[in-house]
Protein backbone atom coordinates (compact mmCIF):
# COMPACT_ATOMS: atom_id res chain seq x y z
CA MET A 1 -79.56 46.58 8.21
CA LEU A 2 -78.79 43.08 8.96
CA GLN A 3 -80.28 41.89 12.11
CA LEU A 4 -79.34 38.28 13.78
CA LEU A 5 -80.77 36.51 16.91
CA ILE A 6 -78.10 33.65 17.11
CA ASP A 7 -78.13 30.65 19.29
CA GLY A 8 -74.56 30.91 20.62
CA HIS A 9 -73.86 27.29 21.69
CA ASN A 10 -75.66 25.82 18.59
CA LEU A 11 -73.34 27.76 16.34
CA ILE A 12 -69.98 27.07 18.17
CA GLY A 13 -70.86 22.99 17.41
CA GLN A 14 -70.96 24.24 13.65
CA LEU A 15 -67.55 25.98 13.38
CA PRO A 16 -64.28 24.22 12.62
CA GLY A 17 -61.65 25.38 15.21
CA LEU A 18 -64.30 26.04 18.06
CA SER A 19 -65.15 23.62 20.70
CA LEU A 20 -67.95 23.74 23.33
CA ALA A 21 -64.98 22.32 25.66
CA ASP A 22 -62.95 25.34 25.33
CA PHE A 23 -62.97 27.80 28.02
CA ASP A 24 -63.00 30.76 25.76
CA ASP A 25 -65.31 29.61 23.11
CA GLU A 26 -67.81 32.15 23.54
CA MET A 27 -65.45 34.96 23.35
CA LYS A 28 -63.83 33.36 20.10
CA LEU A 29 -67.29 33.26 18.67
CA VAL A 30 -67.98 36.79 19.40
CA GLU A 31 -64.60 37.94 17.91
CA LEU A 32 -65.64 35.98 14.65
CA LEU A 33 -68.91 37.69 14.68
CA ARG A 34 -67.27 41.15 15.02
CA GLN A 35 -65.11 40.30 11.93
CA TYR A 36 -68.07 39.25 9.88
CA ALA A 37 -69.82 42.50 11.12
CA ALA A 38 -66.87 44.30 9.82
CA ARG A 39 -66.74 42.61 6.30
CA ARG A 40 -70.44 43.08 5.84
CA SER A 41 -70.11 46.72 6.47
CA ARG A 42 -67.24 47.44 4.24
CA ARG A 43 -68.83 45.58 1.59
CA LYS A 44 -72.02 47.53 1.73
CA ARG A 45 -70.19 50.90 2.44
CA SER A 46 -71.02 51.34 6.15
CA SER A 47 -74.70 52.15 4.82
CA SER A 48 -75.68 49.04 6.22
CA HIS A 49 -75.25 48.14 9.91
CA VAL A 50 -75.28 44.86 11.47
CA ARG A 51 -76.98 44.31 14.75
CA ILE A 52 -76.22 40.84 16.24
CA VAL A 53 -77.87 39.35 19.61
CA VAL A 54 -75.95 36.20 20.70
CA VAL A 55 -77.38 34.19 23.12
CA PHE A 56 -75.44 31.32 25.56
CA ASP A 57 -76.40 28.89 27.77
CA SER A 58 -74.94 28.46 31.22
CA GLY A 59 -73.82 32.25 32.34
CA SER A 60 -73.16 33.29 36.13
CA PRO A 61 -74.90 35.46 37.05
CA GLY A 62 -76.72 35.74 33.72
CA GLY A 63 -77.88 38.74 31.68
CA GLN A 64 -76.11 40.72 29.45
CA SER A 65 -72.51 40.42 29.39
CA LEU A 66 -70.76 43.92 29.38
CA GLU A 67 -67.39 42.61 28.49
CA LEU A 68 -68.32 40.83 25.38
CA SER A 69 -71.02 43.20 24.05
CA GLY A 70 -70.32 46.16 21.63
CA GLY A 71 -69.75 47.21 18.22
CA GLY A 72 -73.31 46.08 17.43
CA ILE A 73 -72.99 42.69 19.20
CA GLU A 74 -75.21 42.12 22.25
CA VAL A 75 -74.10 39.05 24.13
CA ILE A 76 -76.55 37.46 26.61
CA PHE A 77 -76.02 34.28 28.99
CA ALA A 78 -78.87 32.42 30.47
CA ALA A 79 -78.56 32.54 34.29
CA ASP A 80 -77.28 29.14 35.62
CA GLY A 81 -80.32 26.79 36.67
CA HIS A 82 -82.79 29.48 36.11
CA THR A 83 -83.14 29.88 32.15
CA THR A 84 -81.91 28.29 29.10
CA ALA A 85 -80.70 30.23 25.67
CA ASP A 86 -83.64 28.43 24.02
CA LEU A 87 -86.01 30.43 26.45
CA ILE A 88 -84.44 33.58 25.95
CA LEU A 89 -84.25 33.53 21.98
CA ILE A 90 -88.31 32.86 22.20
CA GLU A 91 -88.83 35.80 24.70
CA ARG A 92 -86.49 38.06 22.50
CA MET A 93 -88.88 36.94 19.17
CA ARG A 94 -91.87 37.83 21.23
CA ARG A 95 -90.71 41.01 22.19
CA VAL A 96 -89.24 42.41 19.13
CA LYS A 97 -91.21 44.94 17.02
CA ARG A 98 -90.73 43.61 13.52
CA PRO A 99 -89.72 40.24 13.83
CA GLN A 100 -89.64 39.91 9.86
CA ALA A 101 -86.61 42.10 9.97
CA TRP A 102 -84.48 39.66 12.13
CA THR A 103 -82.88 36.48 11.18
CA LEU A 104 -83.01 33.62 13.68
CA VAL A 105 -79.56 31.62 13.37
CA SER A 106 -80.02 28.24 15.17
CA SER A 107 -80.42 24.40 14.33
CA ASP A 108 -82.95 23.75 17.49
CA HIS A 109 -86.38 22.73 15.46
CA GLU A 110 -88.44 23.98 18.60
CA VAL A 111 -86.74 27.50 18.59
CA GLN A 112 -86.83 27.66 14.62
CA ASN A 113 -90.69 26.66 14.77
CA VAL A 114 -91.54 29.83 16.94
CA ALA A 115 -89.21 32.06 14.53
CA ARG A 116 -91.79 30.77 11.61
CA LYS A 117 -94.90 31.31 13.90
CA TYR A 118 -93.44 35.08 14.28
CA ARG A 119 -92.49 35.05 10.32
CA MET A 120 -88.95 35.48 11.21
CA PRO A 121 -86.51 34.04 8.59
CA VAL A 122 -84.37 31.03 9.92
CA LEU A 123 -80.87 30.04 8.73
CA GLU A 124 -79.32 26.83 10.05
CA ALA A 125 -76.42 27.12 12.33
CA ALA A 126 -74.28 25.13 9.71
CA GLU A 127 -75.21 27.51 6.82
CA PHE A 128 -74.52 30.53 8.58
CA ALA A 129 -71.37 29.13 9.85
CA ALA A 130 -70.14 28.92 6.19
CA ARG A 131 -71.27 32.59 5.64
CA LEU A 132 -69.18 33.77 9.02
CA LEU A 133 -65.87 32.33 8.20
CA PRO A 134 -63.85 34.48 5.88
CA GLN A 135 -63.59 33.31 2.37
CA GLN A 136 -60.28 32.70 0.51
CA ALA A 137 -58.79 35.56 -0.98
CA THR A 138 -57.84 33.52 -4.29
CA PRO A 139 -59.72 30.93 -5.70
CA ALA A 140 -58.06 27.36 -5.83
CA SER A 141 -57.47 27.32 -9.24
CA SER A 142 -55.20 30.30 -9.22
CA LYS A 143 -52.78 29.33 -6.41
CA THR A 144 -49.56 28.83 -7.03
CA GLU A 145 -47.59 25.95 -5.90
CA VAL A 146 -45.21 26.42 -3.26
CA THR A 147 -41.88 24.34 -3.48
CA ASP A 148 -39.09 23.87 -1.03
CA LYS A 149 -36.78 24.73 -4.13
CA PRO A 150 -35.57 28.33 -4.51
CA ASP A 151 -36.34 30.01 -8.00
CA HIS A 152 -32.55 30.83 -8.19
CA GLU A 153 -29.35 29.18 -6.57
CA ASP A 154 -27.75 32.67 -6.66
CA ASP A 155 -30.73 34.03 -4.26
CA VAL A 156 -29.33 31.37 -1.74
CA ALA A 157 -25.88 31.96 -2.05
CA GLY A 158 -26.58 35.75 -1.60
CA TRP A 159 -28.71 35.34 1.27
CA LEU A 160 -26.29 32.85 3.13
CA GLU A 161 -23.63 35.53 2.63
CA ILE A 162 -25.53 38.33 4.18
CA PHE A 163 -26.57 36.05 7.16
CA LYS A 164 -23.53 34.14 7.75
CA GLU A 165 -21.86 33.68 11.20
CA ASP A 166 -18.72 35.51 11.77
């Protein structure tokens, strides 16, 4: 079983196409995490479940988001003005029964140091971001070149005949 404890906003900052300035950046990240979990489960033939806890700063009122959680993903927001994602991550590390079975995803050195204290594996956010994004199905060397020119001029004439306006 893959178990990840993720510093959400830290990871968003490492993903191309996502921005902390976006209103729905958290929702977009959760969707990417769902896709990642589905790919891993398919690859491992469903025998390997994925459990992800992703923690974000600045959520009102704070706590678990029932709207975004589900499908093996638990989404938690730090309550505005009362706590931070880092403190929630550290508290989670203290509470898990087998921290060695979890992996922390964060580039925050203070949070990483606490994870190492509990012997929890650590992945830099940029490294996990590369794993999170779907890989291209075809290698670059096997891509065919696309041109504006059709293979056969007869094809163009045939399509023009079919779609011509009366």
